[in-house]
């Protein structure tokens, strides 16, 4: 009883730290502290979970934790900031894959018992965890391949693509219902798993490489939703809370990015994000004109401008031009140019 109380308190502390960590990530000045709080929360949650279960061999778990931590530290130190979207895509994929493995192991443990029935709530959350986790897994690695140049960055489209996706999605739902009705028929589970993996590929390949950061944000949300569903399968409260936080924050970030780019979130969900209409019309109906200028013309424009707005974006990070932009801002301010909302 005393151990159960300590574990519940640990889960509560971890949940609060997760919330504070997510909040801290909303600002650049507090992002590092937010990341640290989230890491501490995850450590507390892992230790509490290990203490709440009858673990047969702590040695194997300890070795696995050491190996995973070593890989994480090495990768975090070697990956450049400009390659961070690719790293996030890989981490999203691993998160979705972990949800699939946990939910699948729970299913096969249940399926080994002949004539056993599955509770509806348990079955729905298990099926959702597998479906969303599979889509996140394959979709994230397709996004990684596009950003890394391993796959063509162009939108890969073909006739009847959306219809095919819809048919596959309906087939997945039917197989998921069959899994809940008859959990002993493992063929339904295997079919659902394979089709969900295929759906993850088909929903990301029609998206252009330039739009991948938005898609990765959406896949990050998917990984959180899959984790929350897995929390219901395991009846683990802290996993539900952490997954819900990641899922909700990822969706909000995706919506913000879509609005900033005059895109629709529905197009992202339907896998048609990379297919834009011609003509360059904005969401409000006004035509957007993009004009490219050279160095000399840019200098003339800056010299004659009374006010300048600098909008930092992903391209600036890729070009590693943030320091140059800062120098440009200082020069313009010395010349008396006003209205420079540049995030320092």
C-alpha atoms as a PDB file:
ATOM      1  CA  UNK A   1       0.000   0.000   0.000  1.00  0.00           C
ATOM      2  CA  UNK A   2       2.827   2.363   0.874  1.00  0.00           C
ATOM      3  CA  UNK A   3       4.621   1.555  -2.375  1.00  0.00           C
ATOM      4  CA  UNK A   4       1.449   2.168  -4.397  1.00  0.00           C
ATOM      5  CA  UNK A   5       1.043   5.579  -2.764  1.00  0.00           C
ATOM      6  CA  UNK A   6       4.643   6.535  -3.558  1.00  0.00           C
ATOM      7  CA  UNK A   7       4.188   5.463  -7.165  1.00  0.00           C
ATOM      8  CA  UNK A   8       1.016   7.563  -7.512  1.00  0.00           C
ATOM      9  CA  UNK A   9       2.815  10.567  -6.022  1.00  0.00           C
ATOM     10  CA  UNK A  10       5.706  10.024  -8.434  1.00  0.00           C
ATOM     11  CA  UNK A  11       3.272   9.898 -11.360  1.00  0.00           C
ATOM     12  CA  UNK A  12       1.648  13.116 -10.137  1.00  0.00           C
ATOM     13  CA  UNK A  13       5.008  14.876  -9.876  1.00  0.00           C
ATOM     14  CA  UNK A  14       5.985  13.637 -13.341  1.00  0.00           C
ATOM     15  CA  UNK A  15       2.686  14.852 -14.807  1.00  0.00           C
ATOM     16  CA  UNK A  16       3.144  18.335 -13.330  1.00  0.00           C
ATOM     17  CA  UNK A  17       6.717  18.482 -14.648  1.00  0.00           C
ATOM     18  CA  UNK A  18       5.511  17.415 -18.099  1.00  0.00           C
ATOM     19  CA  UNK A  19       2.991  20.266 -18.113  1.00  0.00           C
ATOM     20  CA  UNK A  20       5.593  22.793 -16.963  1.00  0.00           C
ATOM     21  CA  UNK A  21       8.063  21.436 -19.520  1.00  0.00           C
ATOM     22  CA  UNK A  22       5.611  21.781 -22.418  1.00  0.00           C
ATOM     23  CA  UNK A  23       4.787  25.307 -21.267  1.00  0.00           C
ATOM     24  CA  UNK A  24       8.470  26.197 -21.123  1.00  0.00           C
ATOM     25  CA  UNK A  25       9.009  25.029 -24.699  1.00  0.00           C
ATOM     26  CA  UNK A  26       6.696  27.797 -25.885  1.00  0.00           C
ATOM     27  CA  UNK A  27       9.410  30.460 -25.477  1.00  0.00           C
ATOM     28  CA  UNK A  28      12.995  30.503 -26.644  1.00  0.00           C
ATOM     29  CA  UNK A  29      14.158  31.940 -23.314  1.00  0.00           C
ATOM     30  CA  UNK A  30      12.647  29.053 -21.320  1.00  0.00           C
ATOM     31  CA  UNK A  31      12.912  26.236 -23.880  1.00  0.00           C
ATOM     32  CA  UNK A  32      16.069  24.729 -22.389  1.00  0.00           C
ATOM     33  CA  UNK A  33      14.567  24.677 -18.896  1.00  0.00           C
ATOM     34  CA  UNK A  34      11.348  23.191 -20.279  1.00  0.00           C
ATOM     35  CA  UNK A  35      13.285  20.451 -22.003  1.00  0.00           C
ATOM     36  CA  UNK A  36      15.163  19.683 -18.777  1.00  0.00           C
ATOM     37  CA  UNK A  37      11.937  19.492 -16.760  1.00  0.00           C
ATOM     38  CA  UNK A  38      10.412  17.137 -19.307  1.00  0.00           C
ATOM     39  CA  UNK A  39      13.488  14.902 -19.208  1.00  0.00           C
ATOM     40  CA  UNK A  40      13.358  14.752 -15.406  1.00  0.00           C
ATOM     41  CA  UNK A  41       9.648  13.938 -15.589  1.00  0.00           C
ATOM     42  CA  UNK A  42      10.298  11.064 -17.979  1.00  0.00           C
ATOM     43  CA  UNK A  43      13.045   9.697 -15.708  1.00  0.00           C
ATOM     44  CA  UNK A  44      10.690   9.803 -12.711  1.00  0.00           C
ATOM     45  CA  UNK A  45       7.940   8.093 -14.734  1.00  0.00           C
ATOM     46  CA  UNK A  46      10.282   5.323 -15.905  1.00  0.00           C
ATOM     47  CA  UNK A  47      11.628   4.618 -12.408  1.00  0.00           C
ATOM     48  CA  UNK A  48       8.113   4.627 -10.909  1.00  0.00           C
ATOM     49  CA  UNK A  49       6.868   2.255 -13.610  1.00  0.00           C
ATOM     50  CA  UNK A  50       9.742  -0.154 -13.026  1.00  0.00           C
ATOM     51  CA  UNK A  51       9.047  -0.172  -9.289  1.00  0.00           C
ATOM     52  CA  UNK A  52       5.331  -0.792  -9.868  1.00  0.00           C
ATOM     53  CA  UNK A  53       5.921  -3.944 -11.932  1.00  0.00           C
ATOM     54  CA  UNK A  54       7.349  -7.315 -11.059  1.00  0.00           C
ATOM     55  CA  UNK A  55      10.512  -7.040 -13.124  1.00  0.00           C
ATOM     56  CA  UNK A  56      12.287 -10.340 -13.684  1.00  0.00           C
ATOM     57  CA  UNK A  57      15.658  -8.970 -14.721  1.00  0.00           C
ATOM     58  CA  UNK A  58      16.708  -5.397 -13.954  1.00  0.00           C
ATOM     59  CA  UNK A  59      20.148  -6.014 -15.473  1.00  0.00           C
ATOM     60  CA  UNK A  60      18.820  -6.227 -19.029  1.00  0.00           C
ATOM     61  CA  UNK A  61      16.710  -3.103 -18.523  1.00  0.00           C
ATOM     62  CA  UNK A  62      19.664  -1.183 -17.062  1.00  0.00           C
ATOM     63  CA  UNK A  63      21.919  -2.167 -19.980  1.00  0.00           C
ATOM     64  CA  UNK A  64      19.207  -1.153 -22.458  1.00  0.00           C
ATOM     65  CA  UNK A  65      18.770   2.226 -20.750  1.00  0.00           C
ATOM     66  CA  UNK A  66      22.530   2.826 -20.858  1.00  0.00           C
ATOM     67  CA  UNK A  67      22.717   1.939 -24.556  1.00  0.00           C
ATOM     68  CA  UNK A  68      19.741   4.133 -25.436  1.00  0.00           C
ATOM     69  CA  UNK A  69      21.107   7.036 -23.404  1.00  0.00           C
ATOM     70  CA  UNK A  70      24.524   6.734 -25.033  1.00  0.00           C
ATOM     71  CA  UNK A  71      22.972   6.763 -28.513  1.00  0.00           C
ATOM     72  CA  UNK A  72      20.831   9.765 -27.571  1.00  0.00           C
ATOM     73  CA  UNK A  73      23.748  11.788 -26.190  1.00  0.00           C
ATOM     74  CA  UNK A  74      25.968  10.950 -29.170  1.00  0.00           C
ATOM     75  CA  UNK A  75      23.256  11.862 -31.682  1.00  0.00           C
ATOM     76  CA  UNK A  76      22.304  15.086 -29.907  1.00  0.00           C
ATOM     77  CA  UNK A  77      25.934  16.254 -29.928  1.00  0.00           C
ATOM     78  CA  UNK A  78      26.641  15.311 -33.545  1.00  0.00           C
ATOM     79  CA  UNK A  79      23.447  16.462 -35.277  1.00  0.00           C
ATOM     80  CA  UNK A  80      23.580  20.081 -36.419  1.00  0.00           C
ATOM     81  CA  UNK A  81      20.731  22.474 -35.668  1.00  0.00           C
ATOM     82  CA  UNK A  82      19.893  22.691 -39.361  1.00  0.00           C
ATOM     83  CA  UNK A  83      19.298  18.924 -39.368  1.00  0.00           C
ATOM     84  CA  UNK A  84      17.001  19.045 -36.360  1.00  0.00           C
ATOM     85  CA  UNK A  85      13.793  18.423 -38.402  1.00  0.00           C
ATOM     86  CA  UNK A  86      15.259  15.127 -39.644  1.00  0.00           C
ATOM     87  CA  UNK A  87      16.150  14.126 -36.080  1.00  0.00           C
ATOM     88  CA  UNK A  88      12.670  15.008 -34.844  1.00  0.00           C
ATOM     89  CA  UNK A  89      11.194  12.912 -37.660  1.00  0.00           C
ATOM     90  CA  UNK A  90      13.261   9.906 -36.587  1.00  0.00           C
ATOM     91  CA  UNK A  91      12.290  10.366 -32.927  1.00  0.00           C
ATOM     92  CA  UNK A  92       8.623  10.607 -33.932  1.00  0.00           C
ATOM     93  CA  UNK A  93       8.989   7.374 -35.869  1.00  0.00           C
ATOM     94  CA  UNK A  94      10.566   5.594 -32.923  1.00  0.00           C
ATOM     95  CA  UNK A  95       7.800   6.887 -30.652  1.00  0.00           C
ATOM     96  CA  UNK A  96       5.121   5.541 -32.964  1.00  0.00           C
ATOM     97  CA  UNK A  97       6.990   2.248 -33.328  1.00  0.00           C
ATOM     98  CA  UNK A  98       7.248   1.896 -29.543  1.00  0.00           C
ATOM     99  CA  UNK A  99       3.480   2.341 -29.208  1.00  0.00           C
ATOM    100  CA  UNK A 100       2.928  -0.349 -31.842  1.00  0.00           C
ATOM    101  CA  UNK A 101       5.265  -2.792 -30.100  1.00  0.00           C
ATOM    102  CA  UNK A 102       3.680  -2.282 -26.678  1.00  0.00           C
ATOM    103  CA  UNK A 103       0.095  -2.505 -27.929  1.00  0.00           C
ATOM    104  CA  UNK A 104       0.902  -5.508 -30.131  1.00  0.00           C
ATOM    105  CA  UNK A 105       2.578  -7.345 -27.261  1.00  0.00           C
ATOM    106  CA  UNK A 106      -0.521  -6.785 -25.123  1.00  0.00           C
ATOM    107  CA  UNK A 107      -2.679  -8.106 -27.949  1.00  0.00           C
ATOM    108  CA  UNK A 108      -0.634 -11.252 -28.535  1.00  0.00           C
ATOM    109  CA  UNK A 109      -0.503 -11.929 -24.815  1.00  0.00           C
ATOM    110  CA  UNK A 110      -4.290 -11.810 -24.840  1.00  0.00           C
ATOM    111  CA  UNK A 111      -4.620 -13.795 -28.079  1.00  0.00           C
ATOM    112  CA  UNK A 112      -2.685 -16.730 -26.625  1.00  0.00           C
ATOM    113  CA  UNK A 113      -5.646 -17.531 -24.394  1.00  0.00           C
ATOM    114  CA  UNK A 114      -8.245 -19.538 -26.318  1.00  0.00           C
ATOM    115  CA  UNK A 115     -11.810 -18.242 -26.292  1.00  0.00           C
ATOM    116  CA  UNK A 116     -10.922 -15.018 -24.509  1.00  0.00           C
ATOM    117  CA  UNK A 117     -12.964 -11.899 -25.262  1.00  0.00           C
ATOM    118  CA  UNK A 118     -11.659  -8.344 -25.426  1.00  0.00           C
ATOM    119  CA  UNK A 119     -13.338  -5.462 -23.632  1.00  0.00           C
ATOM    120  CA  UNK A 120     -14.624  -2.826 -26.033  1.00  0.00           C
ATOM    121  CA  UNK A 121     -12.698   0.085 -24.479  1.00  0.00           C
ATOM    122  CA  UNK A 122      -9.527  -1.980 -24.287  1.00  0.00           C
ATOM    123  CA  UNK A 123      -9.969  -3.120 -27.882  1.00  0.00           C
ATOM    124  CA  UNK A 124     -10.621   0.363 -29.265  1.00  0.00           C
ATOM    125  CA  UNK A 125      -7.591   1.913 -27.570  1.00  0.00           C
ATOM    126  CA  UNK A 126      -5.388  -1.022 -28.588  1.00  0.00           C
ATOM    127  CA  UNK A 127      -6.470  -0.763 -32.217  1.00  0.00           C
ATOM    128  CA  UNK A 128      -6.009   3.023 -32.236  1.00  0.00           C
ATOM    129  CA  UNK A 129      -2.546   2.675 -30.730  1.00  0.00           C
ATOM    130  CA  UNK A 130      -1.493   0.229 -33.443  1.00  0.00           C
ATOM    131  CA  UNK A 131      -3.031   2.197 -36.335  1.00  0.00           C
ATOM    132  CA  UNK A 132      -1.750   5.634 -35.326  1.00  0.00           C
ATOM    133  CA  UNK A 133       1.626   4.231 -34.287  1.00  0.00           C
ATOM    134  CA  UNK A 134       2.117   2.468 -37.636  1.00  0.00           C
ATOM    135  CA  UNK A 135       1.140   5.568 -39.626  1.00  0.00           C
ATOM    136  CA  UNK A 136       3.527   7.652 -37.509  1.00  0.00           C
ATOM    137  CA  UNK A 137       6.359   5.139 -37.889  1.00  0.00           C
ATOM    138  CA  UNK A 138       6.410   4.829 -41.668  1.00  0.00           C
ATOM    139  CA  UNK A 139       5.277   8.412 -42.304  1.00  0.00           C
ATOM    140  CA  UNK A 140       8.067   9.819 -40.133  1.00  0.00           C
ATOM    141  CA  UNK A 141      10.772   7.837 -41.896  1.00  0.00           C
ATOM    142  CA  UNK A 142       9.420   8.883 -45.300  1.00  0.00           C
ATOM    143  CA  UNK A 143       9.630  12.492 -44.078  1.00  0.00           C
ATOM    144  CA  UNK A 144      13.187  11.839 -42.888  1.00  0.00           C
ATOM    145  CA  UNK A 145      14.085  10.407 -46.289  1.00  0.00           C
ATOM    146  CA  UNK A 146      12.686  13.440 -48.105  1.00  0.00           C
ATOM    147  CA  UNK A 147      14.551  15.915 -45.906  1.00  0.00           C
ATOM    148  CA  UNK A 148      17.768  13.900 -46.093  1.00  0.00           C
ATOM    149  CA  UNK A 149      17.578  13.529 -49.868  1.00  0.00           C
ATOM    150  CA  UNK A 150      17.213   9.741 -49.729  1.00  0.00           C
ATOM    151  CA  UNK A 151      13.760  10.102 -51.321  1.00  0.00           C
ATOM    152  CA  UNK A 152      12.720  12.622 -53.936  1.00  0.00           C
ATOM    153  CA  UNK A 153      11.692  15.862 -52.270  1.00  0.00           C
ATOM    154  CA  UNK A 154       9.019  16.418 -54.884  1.00  0.00           C
ATOM    155  CA  UNK A 155       5.379  15.527 -54.320  1.00  0.00           C
ATOM    156  CA  UNK A 156       4.857  11.954 -55.553  1.00  0.00           C
ATOM    157  CA  UNK A 157       1.286  11.797 -56.830  1.00  0.00           C
ATOM    158  CA  UNK A 158      -0.686   9.421 -59.023  1.00  0.00           C
ATOM    159  CA  UNK A 159      -4.233   9.103 -60.261  1.00  0.00           C
ATOM    160  CA  UNK A 160      -6.733   7.874 -57.669  1.00  0.00           C
ATOM    161  CA  UNK A 161      -4.342   8.399 -54.779  1.00  0.00           C
ATOM    162  CA  UNK A 162      -6.905   9.823 -52.359  1.00  0.00           C
ATOM    163  CA  UNK A 163      -9.414   7.110 -53.288  1.00  0.00           C
ATOM    164  CA  UNK A 164      -6.793   4.437 -52.590  1.00  0.00           C
ATOM    165  CA  UNK A 165      -5.998   6.022 -49.224  1.00  0.00           C
ATOM    166  CA  UNK A 166      -9.707   6.100 -48.360  1.00  0.00           C
ATOM    167  CA  UNK A 167     -10.157   2.435 -49.299  1.00  0.00           C
ATOM    168  CA  UNK A 168      -7.125   1.406 -47.233  1.00  0.00           C
ATOM    169  CA  UNK A 169      -8.369   3.465 -44.276  1.00  0.00           C
ATOM    170  CA  UNK A 170     -11.813   1.820 -44.419  1.00  0.00           C
ATOM    171  CA  UNK A 171     -10.199  -1.626 -44.666  1.00  0.00           C
ATOM    172  CA  UNK A 172      -8.105  -0.805 -41.578  1.00  0.00           C
ATOM    173  CA  UNK A 173     -11.240   0.166 -39.647  1.00  0.00           C
ATOM    174  CA  UNK A 174     -12.971  -3.075 -40.658  1.00  0.00           C
ATOM    175  CA  UNK A 175      -9.962  -5.157 -39.632  1.00  0.00           C
ATOM    176  CA  UNK A 176      -9.763  -3.246 -36.355  1.00  0.00           C
ATOM    177  CA  UNK A 177     -13.390  -4.098 -35.613  1.00  0.00           C
ATOM    178  CA  UNK A 178     -12.685  -7.761 -36.400  1.00  0.00           C
ATOM    179  CA  UNK A 179      -9.712  -7.692 -34.018  1.00  0.00           C
ATOM    180  CA  UNK A 180     -11.985  -6.488 -31.219  1.00  0.00           C
ATOM    181  CA  UNK A 181     -14.716  -9.016 -32.034  1.00  0.00           C
ATOM    182  CA  UNK A 182     -12.404 -12.012 -32.453  1.00  0.00           C
ATOM    183  CA  UNK A 183      -8.987 -11.368 -30.878  1.00  0.00           C
ATOM    184  CA  UNK A 184      -7.936 -14.999 -31.356  1.00  0.00           C
ATOM    185  CA  UNK A 185      -7.804 -14.580 -35.162  1.00  0.00           C
ATOM    186  CA  UNK A 186      -4.324 -13.126 -35.485  1.00  0.00           C
ATOM    187  CA  UNK A 187      -4.658 -12.665 -39.258  1.00  0.00           C
ATOM    188  CA  UNK A 188      -6.892  -9.622 -38.688  1.00  0.00           C
ATOM    189  CA  UNK A 189      -4.254  -8.014 -36.517  1.00  0.00           C
ATOM    190  CA  UNK A 190      -1.478  -8.682 -39.024  1.00  0.00           C
ATOM    191  CA  UNK A 191      -3.560  -7.322 -41.887  1.00  0.00           C
ATOM    192  CA  UNK A 192      -4.444  -4.167 -39.965  1.00  0.00           C
ATOM    193  CA  UNK A 193      -0.814  -3.610 -38.989  1.00  0.00           C
ATOM    194  CA  UNK A 194       0.513  -3.987 -42.560  1.00  0.00           C
ATOM    195  CA  UNK A 195      -2.160  -1.755 -44.084  1.00  0.00           C
ATOM    196  CA  UNK A 196      -1.530   0.928 -41.449  1.00  0.00           C
ATOM    197  CA  UNK A 197       2.194   0.867 -42.275  1.00  0.00           C
ATOM    198  CA  UNK A 198       1.329   1.279 -45.965  1.00  0.00           C
ATOM    199  CA  UNK A 199      -1.077   4.129 -45.212  1.00  0.00           C
ATOM    200  CA  UNK A 200       1.677   6.037 -43.422  1.00  0.00           C
ATOM    201  CA  UNK A 201       3.803   5.905 -46.574  1.00  0.00           C
ATOM    202  CA  UNK A 202       0.977   6.872 -48.917  1.00  0.00           C
ATOM    203  CA  UNK A 203      -0.089   9.881 -46.846  1.00  0.00           C
ATOM    204  CA  UNK A 204       3.385  11.455 -46.765  1.00  0.00           C
ATOM    205  CA  UNK A 205       4.797  10.788 -50.266  1.00  0.00           C
ATOM    206  CA  UNK A 206       2.473  13.334 -51.962  1.00  0.00           C
ATOM    207  CA  UNK A 207       3.919  16.104 -49.779  1.00  0.00           C
ATOM    208  CA  UNK A 208       6.799  18.210 -51.035  1.00  0.00           C
ATOM    209  CA  UNK A 209      10.056  18.377 -49.112  1.00  0.00           C
ATOM    210  CA  UNK A 210       9.681  22.109 -48.429  1.00  0.00           C
ATOM    211  CA  UNK A 211       6.515  21.391 -46.436  1.00  0.00           C
ATOM    212  CA  UNK A 212       8.049  18.582 -44.375  1.00  0.00           C
ATOM    213  CA  UNK A 213       8.521  20.631 -41.156  1.00  0.00           C
ATOM    214  CA  UNK A 214       4.752  21.088 -40.927  1.00  0.00           C
ATOM    215  CA  UNK A 215       4.147  17.405 -41.608  1.00  0.00           C
ATOM    216  CA  UNK A 216       6.710  16.436 -38.978  1.00  0.00           C
ATOM    217  CA  UNK A 217       4.843  18.594 -36.477  1.00  0.00           C
ATOM    218  CA  UNK A 218       1.648  16.731 -37.337  1.00  0.00           C
ATOM    219  CA  UNK A 219       3.397  13.356 -37.044  1.00  0.00           C
ATOM    220  CA  UNK A 220       4.730  14.467 -33.671  1.00  0.00           C
ATOM    221  CA  UNK A 221       1.118  14.973 -32.623  1.00  0.00           C
ATOM    222  CA  UNK A 222       0.272  11.505 -33.943  1.00  0.00           C
ATOM    223  CA  UNK A 223       3.037   9.952 -31.852  1.00  0.00           C
ATOM    224  CA  UNK A 224       1.598  11.624 -28.743  1.00  0.00           C
ATOM    225  CA  UNK A 225      -1.919  10.384 -29.520  1.00  0.00           C
ATOM    226  CA  UNK A 226      -0.565   6.868 -30.056  1.00  0.00           C
ATOM    227  CA  UNK A 227       1.242   7.052 -26.716  1.00  0.00           C
ATOM    228  CA  UNK A 228      -1.949   8.217 -24.965  1.00  0.00           C
ATOM    229  CA  UNK A 229      -3.890   5.313 -26.487  1.00  0.00           C
ATOM    230  CA  UNK A 230      -1.157   2.946 -25.307  1.00  0.00           C
ATOM    231  CA  UNK A 231      -1.527   4.448 -21.834  1.00  0.00           C
ATOM    232  CA  UNK A 232      -5.178   3.366 -21.828  1.00  0.00           C
ATOM    233  CA  UNK A 233      -4.119  -0.122 -22.928  1.00  0.00           C
ATOM    234  CA  UNK A 234      -1.644  -0.369 -20.046  1.00  0.00           C
ATOM    235  CA  UNK A 235      -3.819   1.612 -17.612  1.00  0.00           C
ATOM    236  CA  UNK A 236      -0.881   3.964 -17.060  1.00  0.00           C
ATOM    237  CA  UNK A 237      -2.019   7.470 -16.109  1.00  0.00           C
ATOM    238  CA  UNK A 238       1.261   9.309 -16.679  1.00  0.00           C
ATOM    239  CA  UNK A 239       1.562   7.876 -20.194  1.00  0.00           C
ATOM    240  CA  UNK A 240      -1.959   9.080 -20.966  1.00  0.00           C
ATOM    241  CA  UNK A 241      -1.159  12.593 -19.693  1.00  0.00           C
ATOM    242  CA  UNK A 242       2.197  12.836 -21.477  1.00  0.00           C
ATOM    243  CA  UNK A 243       0.757  11.524 -24.727  1.00  0.00           C
ATOM    244  CA  UNK A 244      -2.206  13.904 -24.559  1.00  0.00           C
ATOM    245  CA  UNK A 245       0.128  16.863 -23.965  1.00  0.00           C
ATOM    246  CA  UNK A 246       2.302  15.968 -26.940  1.00  0.00           C
ATOM    247  CA  UNK A 247      -0.709  15.287 -29.131  1.00  0.00           C
ATOM    248  CA  UNK A 248      -2.481  18.543 -28.282  1.00  0.00           C
ATOM    249  CA  UNK A 249       0.623  20.741 -28.502  1.00  0.00           C
ATOM    250  CA  UNK A 250       1.606  19.148 -31.808  1.00  0.00           C
ATOM    251  CA  UNK A 251      -1.814  19.838 -33.309  1.00  0.00           C
ATOM    252  CA  UNK A 252      -1.744  23.451 -32.111  1.00  0.00           C
ATOM    253  CA  UNK A 253       1.729  23.973 -33.574  1.00  0.00           C
ATOM    254  CA  UNK A 254       0.635  22.395 -36.858  1.00  0.00           C
ATOM    255  CA  UNK A 255      -2.375  24.700 -37.056  1.00  0.00           C
ATOM    256  CA  UNK A 256      -0.208  27.757 -36.361  1.00  0.00           C
ATOM    257  CA  UNK A 257       2.265  26.742 -39.062  1.00  0.00           C
ATOM    258  CA  UNK A 258      -0.542  26.121 -41.554  1.00  0.00           C
ATOM    259  CA  UNK A 259      -2.039  29.559 -40.940  1.00  0.00           C
ATOM    260  CA  UNK A 260       1.357  31.191 -41.307  1.00  0.00           C
ATOM    261  CA  UNK A 261       1.778  29.510 -44.702  1.00  0.00           C
ATOM    262  CA  UNK A 262      -1.822  30.096 -45.861  1.00  0.00           C
ATOM    263  CA  UNK A 263      -2.450  26.347 -45.978  1.00  0.00           C
ATOM    264  CA  UNK A 264      -5.256  24.148 -44.714  1.00  0.00           C
ATOM    265  CA  UNK A 265      -4.875  21.544 -41.992  1.00  0.00           C
ATOM    266  CA  UNK A 266      -7.442  19.405 -43.821  1.00  0.00           C
ATOM    267  CA  UNK A 267      -5.029  19.137 -46.749  1.00  0.00           C
ATOM    268  CA  UNK A 268      -2.370  17.856 -44.362  1.00  0.00           C
ATOM    269  CA  UNK A 269      -4.689  15.233 -42.937  1.00  0.00           C
ATOM    270  CA  UNK A 270      -5.714  14.113 -46.428  1.00  0.00           C
ATOM    271  CA  UNK A 271      -2.143  13.865 -47.634  1.00  0.00           C
ATOM    272  CA  UNK A 272      -2.555  16.571 -50.266  1.00  0.00           C
ATOM    273  CA  UNK A 273      -0.490  19.222 -48.555  1.00  0.00           C
ATOM    274  CA  UNK A 274       2.074  19.398 -51.318  1.00  0.00           C
ATOM    275  CA  UNK A 275      -0.517  19.960 -54.027  1.00  0.00           C
ATOM    276  CA  UNK A 276      -1.282  23.638 -54.196  1.00  0.00           C
ATOM    277  CA  UNK A 277      -3.367  25.482 -56.716  1.00  0.00           C
ATOM    278  CA  UNK A 278      -1.654  27.594 -59.308  1.00  0.00           C
ATOM    279  CA  UNK A 279      -1.955  31.339 -59.465  1.00  0.00           C
ATOM    280  CA  UNK A 280      -0.493  32.182 -56.048  1.00  0.00           C
ATOM    281  CA  UNK A 281      -3.761  33.265 -54.446  1.00  0.00           C
ATOM    282  CA  UNK A 282      -3.796  33.757 -50.709  1.00  0.00           C
ATOM    283  CA  UNK A 283      -6.439  32.482 -48.355  1.00  0.00           C
ATOM    284  CA  UNK A 284      -8.231  35.825 -48.404  1.00  0.00           C
ATOM    285  CA  UNK A 285      -8.346  36.006 -52.210  1.00  0.00           C
ATOM    286  CA  UNK A 286      -5.526  38.562 -52.637  1.00  0.00           C
ATOM    287  CA  UNK A 287      -2.733  37.634 -54.984  1.00  0.00           C
ATOM    288  CA  UNK A 288       0.702  37.187 -53.416  1.00  0.00           C
ATOM    289  CA  UNK A 289       3.617  38.450 -55.508  1.00  0.00           C
ATOM    290  CA  UNK A 290       7.062  37.074 -54.698  1.00  0.00           C
ATOM    291  CA  UNK A 291       9.969  39.027 -56.181  1.00  0.00           C
ATOM    292  CA  UNK A 292      13.554  37.869 -55.995  1.00  0.00           C
ATOM    293  CA  UNK A 293      16.217  40.579 -55.847  1.00  0.00           C
ATOM    294  CA  UNK A 294      19.990  40.538 -56.011  1.00  0.00           C
ATOM    295  CA  UNK A 295      22.558  41.859 -53.540  1.00  0.00           C
ATOM    296  CA  UNK A 296      22.959  45.334 -55.069  1.00  0.00           C
ATOM    297  CA  UNK A 297      19.215  45.876 -55.420  1.00  0.00           C
ATOM    298  CA  UNK A 298      18.697  44.676 -51.841  1.00  0.00           C
ATOM    299  CA  UNK A 299      21.247  47.208 -50.589  1.00  0.00           C
ATOM    300  CA  UNK A 300      19.434  49.995 -52.444  1.00  0.00           C
ATOM    301  CA  UNK A 301      16.088  48.934 -50.996  1.00  0.00           C
ATOM    302  CA  UNK A 302      17.449  48.817 -47.442  1.00  0.00           C
ATOM    303  CA  UNK A 303      19.117  52.198 -47.871  1.00  0.00           C
ATOM    304  CA  UNK A 304      15.911  53.909 -48.956  1.00  0.00           C
ATOM    305  CA  UNK A 305      13.524  52.067 -46.610  1.00  0.00           C
ATOM    306  CA  UNK A 306      12.191  53.901 -43.571  1.00  0.00           C
ATOM    307  CA  UNK A 307      10.947  50.727 -41.897  1.00  0.00           C
ATOM    308  CA  UNK A 308      11.808  47.060 -42.401  1.00  0.00           C
ATOM    309  CA  UNK A 309      10.186  43.871 -41.131  1.00  0.00           C
ATOM    310  CA  UNK A 310      12.470  40.845 -40.860  1.00  0.00           C
ATOM    311  CA  UNK A 311      10.682  37.485 -40.640  1.00  0.00           C
ATOM    312  CA  UNK A 312      13.087  34.683 -39.603  1.00  0.00           C
ATOM    313  CA  UNK A 313      12.195  31.288 -41.012  1.00  0.00           C
ATOM    314  CA  UNK A 314      13.482  27.778 -41.594  1.00  0.00           C
ATOM    315  CA  UNK A 315      15.458  28.928 -44.638  1.00  0.00           C
ATOM    316  CA  UNK A 316      17.519  31.268 -42.505  1.00  0.00           C
ATOM    317  CA  UNK A 317      18.394  28.387 -40.196  1.00  0.00           C
ATOM    318  CA  UNK A 318      19.402  26.175 -43.126  1.00  0.00           C
ATOM    319  CA  UNK A 319      21.634  28.944 -44.503  1.00  0.00           C
ATOM    320  CA  UNK A 320      22.997  29.594 -40.982  1.00  0.00           C
ATOM    321  CA  UNK A 321      22.447  33.296 -41.644  1.00  0.00           C
ATOM    322  CA  UNK A 322      21.087  34.300 -38.235  1.00  0.00           C
ATOM    323  CA  UNK A 323      24.286  36.151 -37.257  1.00  0.00           C
ATOM    324  CA  UNK A 324      24.396  38.011 -40.574  1.00  0.00           C
ATOM    325  CA  UNK A 325      20.753  38.986 -40.162  1.00  0.00           C
ATOM    326  CA  UNK A 326      21.554  40.276 -36.687  1.00  0.00           C
ATOM    327  CA  UNK A 327      24.404  42.391 -38.087  1.00  0.00           C
ATOM    328  CA  UNK A 328      22.069  43.705 -40.784  1.00  0.00           C
ATOM    329  CA  UNK A 329      19.527  44.624 -38.110  1.00  0.00           C
ATOM    330  CA  UNK A 330      22.143  46.532 -36.108  1.00  0.00           C
ATOM    331  CA  UNK A 331      23.262  48.446 -39.212  1.00  0.00           C
ATOM    332  CA  UNK A 332      19.687  49.389 -40.086  1.00  0.00           C
ATOM    333  CA  UNK A 333      18.984  50.537 -36.536  1.00  0.00           C
ATOM    334  CA  UNK A 334      22.092  52.756 -36.613  1.00  0.00           C
ATOM    335  CA  UNK A 335      20.770  54.361 -39.793  1.00  0.00           C
ATOM    336  CA  UNK A 336      17.503  55.164 -38.011  1.00  0.00           C
ATOM    337  CA  UNK A 337      15.343  52.542 -39.712  1.00  0.00           C
ATOM    338  CA  UNK A 338      12.312  51.781 -37.539  1.00  0.00           C
ATOM    339  CA  UNK A 339       9.930  48.871 -36.946  1.00  0.00           C
ATOM    340  CA  UNK A 340      12.341  45.958 -36.846  1.00  0.00           C
ATOM    341  CA  UNK A 341      10.478  43.154 -35.013  1.00  0.00           C
ATOM    342  CA  UNK A 342      13.377  40.736 -35.174  1.00  0.00           C
ATOM    343  CA  UNK A 343      13.527  38.083 -32.432  1.00  0.00           C
ATOM    344  CA  UNK A 344      16.898  38.485 -30.779  1.00  0.00           C
END
